[in-house]
C-alpha atoms as a PDB file:
ATOM      1  CA  MET A   1       0.000   0.000   0.000  1.00  0.00           C
ATOM      2  CA  PHE A   2       2.629   2.598   1.081  1.00  0.00           C
ATOM      3  CA  LYS A   3       6.150   2.472  -0.311  1.00  0.00           C
ATOM      4  CA  ASN A   4       7.832   5.329   1.558  1.00  0.00           C
ATOM      5  CA  ILE A   5       6.701   6.280   5.082  1.00  0.00           C
ATOM      6  CA  LEU A   6       7.843   9.226   7.190  1.00  0.00           C
ATOM      7  CA  VAL A   7       7.442   9.056  10.966  1.00  0.00           C
ATOM      8  CA  PRO A   8       8.036  12.359  12.786  1.00  0.00           C
ATOM      9  CA  LEU A   9       9.074  11.687  16.373  1.00  0.00           C
ATOM     10  CA  ASP A  10       9.372  13.717  19.550  1.00  0.00           C
ATOM     11  CA  GLY A  11       9.744  10.898  22.070  1.00  0.00           C
ATOM     12  CA  SER A  12       6.165  11.170  23.305  1.00  0.00           C
ATOM     13  CA  PRO A  13       4.013   8.075  23.818  1.00  0.00           C
ATOM     14  CA  ALA A  14       1.822   9.153  20.883  1.00  0.00           C
ATOM     15  CA  SER A  15       4.791   9.417  18.514  1.00  0.00           C
ATOM     16  CA  LEU A  16       5.986   5.971  19.585  1.00  0.00           C
ATOM     17  CA  ARG A  17       2.496   4.581  18.891  1.00  0.00           C
ATOM     18  CA  ALA A  18       2.748   6.177  15.446  1.00  0.00           C
ATOM     19  CA  LEU A  19       6.051   4.352  14.985  1.00  0.00           C
ATOM     20  CA  ASP A  20       4.372   1.070  15.968  1.00  0.00           C
ATOM     21  CA  LEU A  21       1.703   1.563  13.284  1.00  0.00           C
ATOM     22  CA  ALA A  22       4.289   2.545  10.668  1.00  0.00           C
ATOM     23  CA  THR A  23       6.349  -0.566  11.440  1.00  0.00           C
ATOM     24  CA  GLU A  24       3.221  -2.699  10.972  1.00  0.00           C
ATOM     25  CA  PHE A  25       2.698  -1.121   7.538  1.00  0.00           C
ATOM     26  CA  SER A  26       6.358  -1.627   6.679  1.00  0.00           C
ATOM     27  CA  MET A  27       6.399  -5.281   7.723  1.00  0.00           C
ATOM     28  CA  ARG A  28       3.208  -5.961   5.760  1.00  0.00           C
ATOM     29  CA  ASP A  29       3.972  -3.937   2.636  1.00  0.00           C
ATOM     30  CA  GLY A  30       7.776  -3.750   2.571  1.00  0.00           C
ATOM     31  CA  SER A  31       7.660   0.026   2.968  1.00  0.00           C
ATOM     32  CA  ARG A  32      10.789   2.074   3.566  1.00  0.00           C
ATOM     33  CA  LEU A  33      10.740   3.917   6.895  1.00  0.00           C
ATOM     34  CA  SER A  34      12.305   7.258   7.674  1.00  0.00           C
ATOM     35  CA  LEU A  35      12.328   8.609  11.222  1.00  0.00           C
ATOM     36  CA  LEU A  36      12.394  12.396  11.625  1.00  0.00           C
ATOM     37  CA  TYR A  37      13.281  14.511  14.644  1.00  0.00           C
ATOM     38  CA  VAL A  38      13.066  18.287  14.129  1.00  0.00           C
ATOM     39  CA  ILE A  39      14.794  20.925  16.240  1.00  0.00           C
ATOM     40  CA  VAL A  40      13.464  24.465  15.840  1.00  0.00           C
ATOM     41  CA  PRO A  41      14.927  26.805  18.466  1.00  0.00           C
ATOM     42  CA  PRO A  42      12.322  28.999  20.156  1.00  0.00           C
ATOM     43  CA  PRO A  43      12.578  32.753  19.546  1.00  0.00           C
ATOM     44  CA  MET A  44      15.461  34.402  21.354  1.00  0.00           C
ATOM     45  CA  CYS A  45      16.963  31.020  22.206  1.00  0.00           C
ATOM     46  CA  ASN A  46      19.114  30.209  19.204  1.00  0.00           C
ATOM     47  CA  THR A  47      22.130  29.420  21.343  1.00  0.00           C
ATOM     48  CA  LYS A  48      24.706  26.763  20.639  1.00  0.00           C
ATOM     49  CA  ASP A  49      24.132  25.207  24.082  1.00  0.00           C
ATOM     50  CA  TYR A  50      20.397  24.838  23.453  1.00  0.00           C
ATOM     51  CA  ILE A  51      20.925  23.312  20.016  1.00  0.00           C
ATOM     52  CA  ASP A  52      23.619  20.964  21.355  1.00  0.00           C
ATOM     53  CA  GLU A  53      21.338  19.762  24.158  1.00  0.00           C
ATOM     54  CA  MET A  54      18.358  19.278  21.839  1.00  0.00           C
ATOM     55  CA  THR A  55      20.589  17.439  19.357  1.00  0.00           C
ATOM     56  CA  LYS A  56      21.475  14.970  22.121  1.00  0.00           C
ATOM     57  CA  VAL A  57      17.777  14.509  22.880  1.00  0.00           C
ATOM     58  CA  GLY A  58      16.930  14.075  19.199  1.00  0.00           C
ATOM     59  CA  ASN A  59      19.691  11.532  18.657  1.00  0.00           C
ATOM     60  CA  SER A  60      18.478   9.607  21.698  1.00  0.00           C
ATOM     61  CA  VAL A  61      14.882   9.542  20.429  1.00  0.00           C
ATOM     62  CA  LEU A  62      16.038   8.407  16.992  1.00  0.00           C
ATOM     63  CA  GLU A  63      18.266   5.736  18.524  1.00  0.00           C
ATOM     64  CA  VAL A  64      15.383   4.277  20.563  1.00  0.00           C
ATOM     65  CA  ALA A  65      13.096   4.340  17.511  1.00  0.00           C
ATOM     66  CA  SER A  66      15.754   2.722  15.302  1.00  0.00           C
ATOM     67  CA  PHE A  67      16.248   0.032  17.929  1.00  0.00           C
ATOM     68  CA  LYS A  68      12.487  -0.691  17.881  1.00  0.00           C
ATOM     69  CA  CYS A  69      12.619  -1.014  14.102  1.00  0.00           C
ATOM     70  CA  ASP A  70      15.671  -3.285  14.266  1.00  0.00           C
ATOM     71  CA  GLY A  71      13.729  -5.503  16.676  1.00  0.00           C
ATOM     72  CA  CYS A  72      11.070  -5.932  13.987  1.00  0.00           C
ATOM     73  CA  GLY A  73      13.666  -6.772  11.364  1.00  0.00           C
ATOM     74  CA  LEU A  74      13.345  -3.364   9.702  1.00  0.00           C
ATOM     75  CA  LYS A  75      15.999  -0.860   8.753  1.00  0.00           C
ATOM     76  CA  ALA A  76      14.834   2.717   9.258  1.00  0.00           C
ATOM     77  CA  ARG A  77      16.621   5.846   8.097  1.00  0.00           C
ATOM     78  CA  PRO A  78      17.008   8.363  10.941  1.00  0.00           C
ATOM     79  CA  ILE A  79      16.886  12.064  10.042  1.00  0.00           C
ATOM     80  CA  LEU A  80      17.843  14.774  12.543  1.00  0.00           C
ATOM     81  CA  LYS A  81      16.891  18.176  11.187  1.00  0.00           C
ATOM     82  CA  VAL A  82      18.284  21.230  12.952  1.00  0.00           C
ATOM     83  CA  VAL A  83      16.822  24.506  11.749  1.00  0.00           C
ATOM     84  CA  ASP A  84      19.062  27.500  12.319  1.00  0.00           C
ATOM     85  CA  GLU A  85      16.385  30.114  12.095  1.00  0.00           C
ATOM     86  CA  ASN A  86      13.269  30.932  14.072  1.00  0.00           C
ATOM     87  CA  ARG A  87      11.156  31.694  10.998  1.00  0.00           C
ATOM     88  CA  THR A  88       9.660  28.248  10.649  1.00  0.00           C
ATOM     89  CA  SER A  89       7.851  25.687  12.735  1.00  0.00           C
ATOM     90  CA  THR A  90       8.154  21.995  13.434  1.00  0.00           C
ATOM     91  CA  ALA A  91       5.022  21.370  11.357  1.00  0.00           C
ATOM     92  CA  ASN A  92       6.447  23.294   8.380  1.00  0.00           C
ATOM     93  CA  GLU A  93       9.676  21.302   8.555  1.00  0.00           C
ATOM     94  CA  ILE A  94       7.754  18.008   8.634  1.00  0.00           C
ATOM     95  CA  VAL A  95       5.787  19.044   5.536  1.00  0.00           C
ATOM     96  CA  LYS A  96       8.997  20.200   3.836  1.00  0.00           C
ATOM     97  CA  GLU A  97      10.618  16.802   4.472  1.00  0.00           C
ATOM     98  CA  ALA A  98       7.505  14.993   3.218  1.00  0.00           C
ATOM     99  CA  VAL A  99       7.618  16.964  -0.037  1.00  0.00           C
ATOM    100  CA  GLU A 100      11.381  16.771  -0.589  1.00  0.00           C
ATOM    101  CA  GLY A 101      11.541  13.079   0.335  1.00  0.00           C
ATOM    102  CA  ARG A 102       8.540  12.223  -1.848  1.00  0.00           C
ATOM    103  CA  TYR A 103       6.838  10.234   0.887  1.00  0.00           C
ATOM    104  CA  ASP A 104       3.466   8.705   0.141  1.00  0.00           C
ATOM    105  CA  CYS A 105       2.477   8.476   3.816  1.00  0.00           C
ATOM    106  CA  VAL A 106       3.238  10.327   7.035  1.00  0.00           C
ATOM    107  CA  VAL A 107       2.323   8.649  10.319  1.00  0.00           C
ATOM    108  CA  ILE A 108       2.403  11.187  13.137  1.00  0.00           C
ATOM    109  CA  GLY A 109       1.421  11.034  16.781  1.00  0.00           C
ATOM    110  CA  SER A 110      -1.057  13.411  18.325  1.00  0.00           C
ATOM    111  CA  ARG A 111      -0.836  14.904  21.726  1.00  0.00           C
ATOM    112  CA  GLY A 112      -4.113  14.656  23.623  1.00  0.00           C
ATOM    113  CA  TYR A 113      -5.748  17.370  25.681  1.00  0.00           C
ATOM    114  CA  SER A 114      -8.865  16.922  27.754  1.00  0.00           C
ATOM    115  CA  GLY A 115     -11.494  19.585  27.633  1.00  0.00           C
ATOM    116  CA  GLU A 116     -15.221  20.169  27.548  1.00  0.00           C
ATOM    117  CA  MET A 117     -15.301  19.297  23.841  1.00  0.00           C
ATOM    118  CA  GLY A 118     -13.478  16.011  24.331  1.00  0.00           C
ATOM    119  CA  ILE A 119      -9.949  15.230  23.301  1.00  0.00           C
ATOM    120  CA  LEU A 120      -8.275  17.480  20.744  1.00  0.00           C
ATOM    121  CA  MET A 121      -5.207  16.729  18.651  1.00  0.00           C
ATOM    122  CA  GLY A 122      -1.897  18.507  19.124  1.00  0.00           C
ATOM    123  CA  SER A 123      -1.168  21.606  17.101  1.00  0.00           C
ATOM    124  CA  VAL A 124       1.908  20.184  15.323  1.00  0.00           C
ATOM    125  CA  ALA A 125      -0.003  17.151  14.039  1.00  0.00           C
ATOM    126  CA  ILE A 126      -2.962  19.241  12.878  1.00  0.00           C
ATOM    127  CA  SER A 127      -0.795  21.946  11.306  1.00  0.00           C
ATOM    128  CA  ALA A 128       1.267  19.383   9.432  1.00  0.00           C
ATOM    129  CA  ALA A 129      -1.747  17.347   8.310  1.00  0.00           C
ATOM    130  CA  ILE A 130      -3.486  20.391   6.839  1.00  0.00           C
ATOM    131  CA  SER A 131      -0.590  21.075   4.468  1.00  0.00           C
ATOM    132  CA  MET A 132       0.586  17.520   3.837  1.00  0.00           C
ATOM    133  CA  PRO A 133       0.752  16.520   0.164  1.00  0.00           C
ATOM    134  CA  CYS A 134       0.258  12.831   0.913  1.00  0.00           C
ATOM    135  CA  THR A 135      -1.759  10.480   3.086  1.00  0.00           C
ATOM    136  CA  THR A 136      -1.407  11.497   6.721  1.00  0.00           C
ATOM    137  CA  ILE A 137      -2.360   9.273   9.608  1.00  0.00           C
ATOM    138  CA  ILE A 138      -2.628  10.856  13.050  1.00  0.00           C
ATOM    139  CA  VAL A 139      -2.243   8.285  15.808  1.00  0.00           C
ATOM    140  CA  ARG A 140      -3.753   8.794  19.261  1.00  0.00           C
END
């Protein structure tokens, strides 16, 4: 069904559930998996120390996700994207990678919030899904 799947990760339980679903697709269909961790420094915080620390976190998240894929007999391509400027967002960088990498599916985790209207999806997942040029699956 899908030949090239992108899984944006942030280390949250929802993103790891998205990885689980993507690995199921990959095992069934022989899809290629790419794992993406995006670092966008917040405004006024574009310091080398911040980027270095977040790079360590991103590499750790990608290492855990790659290990999960290895355990399923899959080889995933980890991508750590560090954005030097504050004029973009994580969602924009996910969409940019989806376009440039010509993915036919993005499996992304949502972050749940409880409220009077029920549970709403996280802003990164929604923002990315709205602009995504391919099938997008948001995993709760």
